[in-house]
């Protein structure tokens, strides 16, 4: 496995250098590589995953400036490939950073049995009141997300458990993946937060960031005819990954030529 990851590290480093213009300002390549390798070393069966797939997945996190080690995003094994997925924390970080209308605060909460939750419109203004019961471990009824803007305006989104589960089974890329099994509450919050983000105009610095953000959703709200256990990639996703793969093969060949000289 050590040699496998050494190859990944070497080629990922070259790939980052070749795509430097698409990386966020202030991107710390050394720290990103160290944290990524730490995560990969602890990833089960990573030796069975193709190095190209590993580099492709890690590069998507780099485009967005998200840290795999701090669990702002995940590299999830699926067969001999890795799947890239953002976390709830990563979604908040990106919304705050790239929203055209500056965000003062953005968050999502679970609503459980015993909590007090009210949504209303009073005098034309949206109002959300939430009073959670202390240390409440009751059944989850739903989730909501709120974005408060610096200009004093706000938007919010709510989803019942039934709505979230429908989204998971019909539109999730990996409806039975590890994230849903181990962190269902976090995935509930991420789902409603991602739907809220569709109402927020985000202005990414590069097309690579926008594409990586779209791929990291884990769910696809625009897909109305997906009954398959795993959502097939769109043509844009395939083109995006093919472009990354082409860059990967180029830096790989350069490295092999240097070694043989």
Protein backbone atom coordinates (compact mmCIF):
# COMPACT_ATOMS: atom_id res chain seq x y z
CA UNK A 1 0.00 0.00 0.00
CA UNK A 2 2.88 2.36 0.77
CA UNK A 3 4.15 2.26 -2.81
CA UNK A 4 0.58 2.68 -4.10
CA UNK A 5 0.16 5.89 -2.09
CA UNK A 6 3.62 7.15 -3.01
CA UNK A 7 2.58 7.01 -6.66
CA UNK A 8 -0.66 8.82 -5.79
CA UNK A 9 1.21 11.50 -3.84
CA UNK A 10 3.70 12.11 -6.62
CA UNK A 11 1.12 12.35 -9.39
CA UNK A 12 -1.33 14.38 -7.29
CA UNK A 13 1.41 16.89 -6.51
CA UNK A 14 2.18 17.28 -10.22
CA UNK A 15 -1.53 17.54 -10.99
CA UNK A 16 -1.96 20.32 -8.42
CA UNK A 17 0.96 22.20 -9.94
CA UNK A 18 -0.49 21.87 -13.44
CA UNK A 19 -3.93 23.09 -12.25
CA UNK A 20 -2.64 25.89 -10.01
CA UNK A 21 -4.72 28.54 -11.79
CA UNK A 22 -7.92 26.67 -10.86
CA UNK A 23 -7.05 26.44 -7.15
CA UNK A 24 -8.39 28.95 -4.58
CA UNK A 25 -6.30 31.93 -3.54
CA UNK A 26 -4.06 31.11 -0.60
CA UNK A 27 -4.26 27.36 -1.26
CA UNK A 28 -1.67 25.55 0.90
CA UNK A 29 -0.49 22.68 -1.28
CA UNK A 30 1.86 21.17 1.31
CA UNK A 31 -0.79 20.99 4.03
CA UNK A 32 -3.40 19.71 1.60
CA UNK A 33 -1.13 16.88 0.46
CA UNK A 34 -0.16 15.93 4.01
CA UNK A 35 -3.76 15.87 5.20
CA UNK A 36 -4.95 14.01 2.11
CA UNK A 37 -2.30 11.31 2.47
CA UNK A 38 -3.19 10.88 6.16
CA UNK A 39 -6.83 10.32 5.22
CA UNK A 40 -5.97 7.93 2.40
CA UNK A 41 -3.72 5.84 4.64
CA UNK A 42 -6.69 5.27 6.94
CA UNK A 43 -9.10 4.52 4.08
CA UNK A 44 -10.08 0.88 3.96
CA UNK A 45 -9.07 -1.05 0.81
CA UNK A 46 -7.44 2.04 -0.68
CA UNK A 47 -4.88 -0.23 -2.36
CA UNK A 48 -7.71 -1.57 -4.56
CA UNK A 49 -8.62 1.88 -5.85
CA UNK A 50 -7.13 3.09 -9.11
CA UNK A 51 -4.52 5.85 -8.54
CA UNK A 52 -6.19 7.94 -11.24
CA UNK A 53 -9.51 7.84 -9.40
CA UNK A 54 -7.82 8.80 -6.13
CA UNK A 55 -6.04 11.78 -7.68
CA UNK A 56 -9.24 12.88 -9.45
CA UNK A 57 -11.25 12.81 -6.22
CA UNK A 58 -8.64 14.62 -4.14
CA UNK A 59 -8.27 17.28 -6.83
CA UNK A 60 -11.98 18.10 -6.59
CA UNK A 61 -11.51 18.86 -2.89
CA UNK A 62 -8.51 21.02 -3.76
CA UNK A 63 -10.52 23.02 -6.32
CA UNK A 64 -12.96 23.96 -3.55
CA UNK A 65 -10.31 24.51 -0.87
CA UNK A 66 -11.89 21.85 1.34
CA UNK A 67 -9.93 19.68 3.75
CA UNK A 68 -10.51 15.90 3.75
CA UNK A 69 -8.72 15.54 7.10
CA UNK A 70 -11.02 18.07 8.80
CA UNK A 71 -14.02 16.30 7.28
CA UNK A 72 -15.15 19.21 5.16
CA UNK A 73 -15.42 16.66 2.35
CA UNK A 74 -15.01 12.91 1.87
CA UNK A 75 -13.34 10.41 -0.43
CA UNK A 76 -15.68 7.41 -0.36
CA UNK A 77 -14.55 4.05 -1.81
CA UNK A 78 -16.96 2.45 -4.25
CA UNK A 79 -15.48 -0.61 -5.94
CA UNK A 80 -12.18 0.42 -7.51
CA UNK A 81 -13.12 4.10 -7.55
CA UNK A 82 -13.48 6.93 -5.07
CA UNK A 83 -16.57 9.15 -4.88
CA UNK A 84 -16.18 12.81 -3.91
CA UNK A 85 -18.75 14.26 -1.51
CA UNK A 86 -18.91 17.48 0.47
CA UNK A 87 -19.84 17.52 4.15
CA UNK A 88 -22.30 19.79 5.96
CA UNK A 89 -19.36 21.84 7.28
CA UNK A 90 -17.93 22.17 3.79
CA UNK A 91 -21.27 23.33 2.40
CA UNK A 92 -21.44 26.13 4.98
CA UNK A 93 -17.85 27.16 4.29
CA UNK A 94 -18.47 27.41 0.54
CA UNK A 95 -21.79 29.26 0.89
CA UNK A 96 -20.20 31.88 3.12
CA UNK A 97 -17.22 32.28 0.83
CA UNK A 98 -18.91 32.45 -2.55
CA UNK A 99 -22.37 33.95 -1.96
CA UNK A 100 -22.83 37.14 -4.01
CA UNK A 101 -25.05 38.54 -1.25
CA UNK A 102 -22.69 38.38 1.79
CA UNK A 103 -23.88 35.87 4.37
CA UNK A 104 -23.80 36.71 8.07
CA UNK A 105 -24.74 33.23 9.19
CA UNK A 106 -25.99 30.01 7.66
CA UNK A 107 -26.92 26.77 9.39
CA UNK A 108 -29.16 23.72 9.39
CA UNK A 109 -30.89 22.06 12.33
CA UNK A 110 -32.74 18.83 12.96
CA UNK A 111 -36.25 19.00 14.38
CA UNK A 112 -37.12 16.16 16.77
CA UNK A 113 -40.23 15.08 18.63
CA UNK A 114 -40.62 17.42 21.61
CA UNK A 115 -38.98 20.43 19.90
CA UNK A 116 -40.96 23.59 19.16
CA UNK A 117 -40.77 24.70 15.55
CA UNK A 118 -42.80 27.43 13.84
CA UNK A 119 -42.56 28.97 10.39
CA UNK A 120 -44.73 31.93 9.47
CA UNK A 121 -45.03 35.09 7.42
CA UNK A 122 -45.87 38.18 9.47
CA UNK A 123 -46.34 41.55 7.81
CA UNK A 124 -44.73 40.17 4.68
CA UNK A 125 -41.60 38.95 6.48
CA UNK A 126 -40.54 35.34 6.86
CA UNK A 127 -40.17 34.16 10.44
CA UNK A 128 -38.73 30.93 11.79
CA UNK A 129 -38.88 30.15 15.51
CA UNK A 130 -37.12 27.09 16.87
CA UNK A 131 -36.89 26.02 20.49
CA UNK A 132 -35.21 22.62 20.80
CA UNK A 133 -35.78 20.45 23.84
CA UNK A 134 -32.54 20.08 25.79
CA UNK A 135 -30.59 16.87 25.11
CA UNK A 136 -33.39 15.64 22.90
CA UNK A 137 -32.86 12.20 21.37
CA UNK A 138 -36.41 11.87 20.08
CA UNK A 139 -37.30 10.74 16.59
CA UNK A 140 -36.30 13.15 13.84
CA UNK A 141 -39.32 14.83 12.24
CA UNK A 142 -37.43 16.88 9.68
CA UNK A 143 -34.76 19.49 9.17
CA UNK A 144 -34.53 23.16 8.23
CA UNK A 145 -31.82 25.50 7.00
CA UNK A 146 -31.55 29.27 7.35
CA UNK A 147 -29.33 31.84 5.66
CA UNK A 148 -29.06 35.28 7.27
CA UNK A 149 -27.58 37.95 5.02
CA UNK A 150 -25.59 40.97 6.12
CA UNK A 151 -28.23 43.27 4.61
CA UNK A 152 -30.78 41.95 7.15
CA UNK A 153 -32.68 39.69 4.76
CA UNK A 154 -33.08 35.96 5.22
CA UNK A 155 -34.19 32.84 3.40
CA UNK A 156 -34.95 29.39 4.73
CA UNK A 157 -35.90 25.91 3.60
CA UNK A 158 -37.65 23.03 5.39
CA UNK A 159 -37.89 19.32 4.63
CA UNK A 160 -39.76 16.60 6.46
CA UNK A 161 -38.14 13.20 7.05
CA UNK A 162 -40.34 11.77 4.30
CA UNK A 163 -39.11 14.42 1.86
CA UNK A 164 -35.47 13.84 2.76
CA UNK A 165 -35.82 10.07 2.50
CA UNK A 166 -37.54 10.46 -0.87
CA UNK A 167 -34.63 12.61 -2.02
CA UNK A 168 -32.16 10.04 -0.71
CA UNK A 169 -33.76 7.04 -2.42
CA UNK A 170 -34.59 8.75 -5.72
CA UNK A 171 -31.87 11.34 -6.28
CA UNK A 172 -28.86 10.41 -4.16
CA UNK A 173 -25.69 9.28 -5.91
CA UNK A 174 -25.12 6.69 -3.15
CA UNK A 175 -28.43 6.20 -1.30
CA UNK A 176 -27.05 3.33 0.77
CA UNK A 177 -23.55 4.72 1.15
CA UNK A 178 -21.52 4.88 4.35
CA UNK A 179 -22.37 8.53 4.98
CA UNK A 180 -26.10 7.77 5.16
CA UNK A 181 -25.48 4.75 7.39
CA UNK A 182 -23.07 6.37 9.85
CA UNK A 183 -24.14 10.04 9.84
CA UNK A 184 -27.78 10.17 8.85
CA UNK A 185 -28.47 13.30 10.92
CA UNK A 186 -25.61 15.15 9.24
CA UNK A 187 -26.83 14.00 5.83
CA UNK A 188 -30.32 15.23 6.66
CA UNK A 189 -28.88 18.66 7.47
CA UNK A 190 -26.71 18.64 4.37
CA UNK A 191 -29.69 17.73 2.15
CA UNK A 192 -31.85 20.62 3.31
CA UNK A 193 -28.85 22.96 3.29
CA UNK A 194 -27.99 22.00 -0.29
CA UNK A 195 -31.58 22.71 -1.33
CA UNK A 196 -31.35 26.09 0.38
CA UNK A 197 -28.10 26.79 -1.47
CA UNK A 198 -29.99 26.46 -4.75
CA UNK A 199 -31.72 29.70 -3.72
CA UNK A 200 -28.40 31.41 -2.99
CA UNK A 201 -26.48 32.84 -5.93
CA UNK A 202 -22.93 31.54 -5.62
CA UNK A 203 -20.13 33.03 -7.68
CA UNK A 204 -17.20 30.63 -7.91
CA UNK A 205 -13.81 31.81 -9.11
CA UNK A 206 -13.40 29.05 -11.71
CA UNK A 207 -15.50 26.61 -13.69
CA UNK A 208 -13.60 23.77 -11.98
CA UNK A 209 -14.87 24.94 -8.59
CA UNK A 210 -18.46 25.10 -9.84
CA UNK A 211 -18.25 21.61 -11.33
CA UNK A 212 -16.64 20.14 -8.21
CA UNK A 213 -19.35 21.76 -6.07
CA UNK A 214 -22.11 20.29 -8.23
CA UNK A 215 -20.55 16.83 -8.09
CA UNK A 216 -20.06 16.94 -4.32
CA UNK A 217 -23.76 17.35 -3.60
CA UNK A 218 -24.51 13.68 -3.03
CA UNK A 219 -28.07 14.39 -4.25
CA UNK A 220 -29.41 15.81 -7.50
CA UNK A 221 -32.61 17.81 -7.04
CA UNK A 222 -33.09 18.42 -10.76
CA UNK A 223 -33.22 14.74 -11.68
CA UNK A 224 -36.87 13.70 -11.82
CA UNK A 225 -36.51 10.24 -13.35
CA UNK A 226 -33.85 8.52 -11.33
CA UNK A 227 -34.95 5.18 -9.96
CA UNK A 228 -31.52 3.57 -10.11
CA UNK A 229 -29.56 2.76 -6.94
CA UNK A 230 -26.69 4.90 -8.22
CA UNK A 231 -27.24 8.00 -10.35
CA UNK A 232 -25.40 7.88 -13.68
CA UNK A 233 -23.01 10.75 -14.36
CA UNK A 234 -24.25 13.61 -16.52
CA UNK A 235 -22.42 14.54 -19.71
CA UNK A 236 -20.92 17.59 -17.96
CA UNK A 237 -19.63 15.43 -15.10
CA UNK A 238 -18.12 12.97 -17.57
CA UNK A 239 -16.42 15.78 -19.52
CA UNK A 240 -15.09 17.27 -16.28
CA UNK A 241 -13.63 13.95 -15.13
CA UNK A 242 -12.24 13.17 -18.57
CA UNK A 243 -10.41 16.50 -18.57
CA UNK A 244 -8.92 15.72 -15.15
CA UNK A 245 -7.96 12.22 -16.31
CA UNK A 246 -6.23 13.67 -19.37
CA UNK A 247 -4.19 15.99 -17.15
CA UNK A 248 -3.40 13.07 -14.86
CA UNK A 249 -2.12 10.91 -17.72
CA UNK A 250 0.03 13.80 -18.91
CA UNK A 251 1.75 14.35 -15.55
CA UNK A 252 2.06 10.58 -15.09
CA UNK A 253 3.84 10.21 -18.43
CA UNK A 254 6.15 13.12 -17.62
CA UNK A 255 7.08 11.43 -14.34
CA UNK A 256 7.74 8.11 -16.06
CA UNK A 257 9.97 9.80 -18.65
CA UNK A 258 12.03 11.47 -15.93
CA UNK A 259 12.49 8.14 -14.13
CA UNK A 260 13.77 6.41 -17.28
CA UNK A 261 16.20 9.15 -18.28
